[in-house]
Amino acid sequence: MLKRKIEICRAHPVLVATAAGAMVGAANAILLEAGGLWHGNSTGVLSLFIPAAHAPRAGQSDAMQTALLLLIEFAGNVVGFSLLFAVPVAVFVGIRRVFASQKRTASPEERP
């Protein structure tokens, strides 16, 4: 099973880096929200749900706006970290493939 996972990592390094970045981004968003709620500071959006639910003029739009902010923050973290992890790997793989193709075309007698 470990051998299969290593084969997947070698066959699709950019996808593996993207998945790792998405997981780190999701964990970062969850930790930011939990920390903001736990400490009562403004690092998270979840603390906005409490005044929206108990305010005298609280309506559905307040809760929906807070949920939209939470969705944007979560999606932004996931996409941002995915790109942050995938772009350097993609550049490295692209450079490696360019130089590997030049090596193959330069010496045809070394082909298998």
Protein backbone atom coordinates (compact mmCIF):
# COMPACT_ATOMS: atom_id res chain seq x y z
CA MET A 1 0.00 0.00 0.00
CA LEU A 2 2.85 2.37 0.77
CA LYS A 3 4.43 1.52 -2.56
CA ARG A 4 1.21 2.51 -4.34
CA LYS A 5 1.12 5.85 -2.52
CA ILE A 6 4.72 6.57 -3.48
CA GLU A 7 3.88 5.72 -7.11
CA ILE A 8 0.98 8.18 -7.02
CA CYS A 9 3.23 10.90 -5.55
CA ARG A 10 5.81 10.34 -8.28
CA ALA A 11 3.25 10.14 -11.07
CA HIS A 12 1.23 13.22 -10.05
CA PRO A 13 3.39 15.53 -7.93
CA VAL A 14 1.42 18.68 -8.71
CA LEU A 15 -1.89 17.10 -7.70
CA VAL A 16 -0.38 15.79 -4.48
CA ALA A 17 1.02 19.24 -3.68
CA THR A 18 -2.37 20.80 -4.45
CA ALA A 19 -4.15 18.35 -2.15
CA ALA A 20 -1.62 18.97 0.62
CA GLY A 21 -2.07 22.73 0.22
CA ALA A 22 -5.85 22.38 0.35
CA MET A 23 -5.63 20.41 3.59
CA VAL A 24 -3.25 22.96 5.14
CA GLY A 25 -5.53 25.82 4.03
CA ALA A 26 -8.60 24.15 5.51
CA ALA A 27 -6.78 23.48 8.77
CA ASN A 28 -5.57 27.09 8.84
CA ALA A 29 -9.10 28.42 8.36
CA ILE A 30 -10.47 26.14 11.06
CA LEU A 31 -7.72 27.14 13.50
CA LEU A 32 -8.25 30.85 12.78
CA GLU A 33 -11.98 30.56 13.36
CA ALA A 34 -11.64 28.43 16.48
CA GLY A 35 -8.96 30.74 17.87
CA GLY A 36 -11.04 33.83 17.19
CA LEU A 37 -14.07 32.28 18.86
CA TRP A 38 -12.07 30.93 21.80
CA HIS A 39 -10.19 34.15 22.56
CA GLY A 40 -13.00 36.51 21.64
CA ASN A 41 -10.92 38.62 19.27
CA SER A 42 -11.58 39.64 15.70
CA THR A 43 -9.45 37.03 13.90
CA GLY A 44 -12.48 34.93 13.05
CA VAL A 45 -15.89 35.42 11.51
CA LEU A 46 -17.72 32.95 13.77
CA SER A 47 -17.96 35.53 16.55
CA LEU A 48 -20.25 37.56 14.27
CA PHE A 49 -22.89 34.83 14.45
CA ILE A 50 -23.55 35.44 18.15
CA PRO A 51 -24.54 39.14 17.89
CA ALA A 52 -26.44 38.41 14.67
CA ALA A 53 -28.56 35.81 16.42
CA HIS A 54 -29.28 37.83 19.59
CA ALA A 55 -29.55 41.38 18.30
CA PRO A 56 -32.97 43.06 18.46
CA ARG A 57 -33.10 43.61 14.70
CA ALA A 58 -31.35 40.38 13.73
CA GLY A 59 -32.64 39.02 10.49
CA GLN A 60 -31.77 36.34 8.05
CA SER A 61 -29.52 38.67 6.07
CA ASP A 62 -27.16 39.18 9.00
CA ALA A 63 -26.63 35.45 9.46
CA MET A 64 -26.43 34.93 5.71
CA GLN A 65 -23.84 37.67 5.31
CA THR A 66 -21.75 36.14 8.09
CA ALA A 67 -22.07 32.69 6.50
CA LEU A 68 -21.00 34.16 3.16
CA LEU A 69 -17.95 35.77 4.79
CA LEU A 70 -17.09 32.45 6.40
CA LEU A 71 -17.44 30.64 3.07
CA ILE A 72 -15.27 33.21 1.30
CA GLU A 73 -12.61 33.01 3.99
CA PHE A 74 -12.59 29.21 3.97
CA ALA A 75 -12.53 28.93 0.16
CA GLY A 76 -9.88 31.63 -0.09
CA ASN A 77 -7.62 29.80 2.34
CA VAL A 78 -8.07 26.49 0.55
CA VAL A 79 -7.44 27.94 -2.92
CA GLY A 80 -4.62 30.19 -1.75
CA PHE A 81 -2.70 27.44 0.00
CA SER A 82 -3.34 25.05 -2.89
CA LEU A 83 -1.73 27.51 -5.28
CA LEU A 84 1.03 28.29 -2.81
CA PHE A 85 1.96 24.61 -2.65
CA ALA A 86 1.31 23.67 -6.31
CA VAL A 87 3.03 26.48 -8.22
CA PRO A 88 6.61 25.77 -7.07
CA VAL A 89 6.13 22.05 -7.70
CA ALA A 90 4.70 22.75 -11.15
CA VAL A 91 7.63 25.03 -12.00
CA PHE A 92 10.11 22.41 -10.82
CA VAL A 93 8.38 19.62 -12.78
CA GLY A 94 8.18 21.82 -15.89
CA ILE A 95 11.87 22.71 -15.76
CA ARG A 96 12.76 19.08 -15.19
CA ARG A 97 10.69 17.95 -18.19
CA VAL A 98 12.16 20.62 -20.45
CA PHE A 99 15.71 19.61 -19.63
CA ALA A 100 14.86 15.90 -19.83
CA SER A 101 13.41 16.33 -23.32
CA GLN A 102 16.50 18.25 -24.44
CA LYS A 103 18.69 15.47 -23.13
CA ARG A 104 16.68 12.84 -25.01
CA THR A 105 16.80 14.71 -28.29
CA ALA A 106 20.54 15.47 -27.94
CA SER A 107 21.65 11.86 -27.57
CA PRO A 108 19.50 9.35 -29.50
CA GLU A 109 21.99 6.50 -29.00
CA GLU A 110 21.25 6.47 -25.26
CA ARG A 111 17.54 5.76 -25.79
CA PRO A 112 16.32 2.41 -24.51
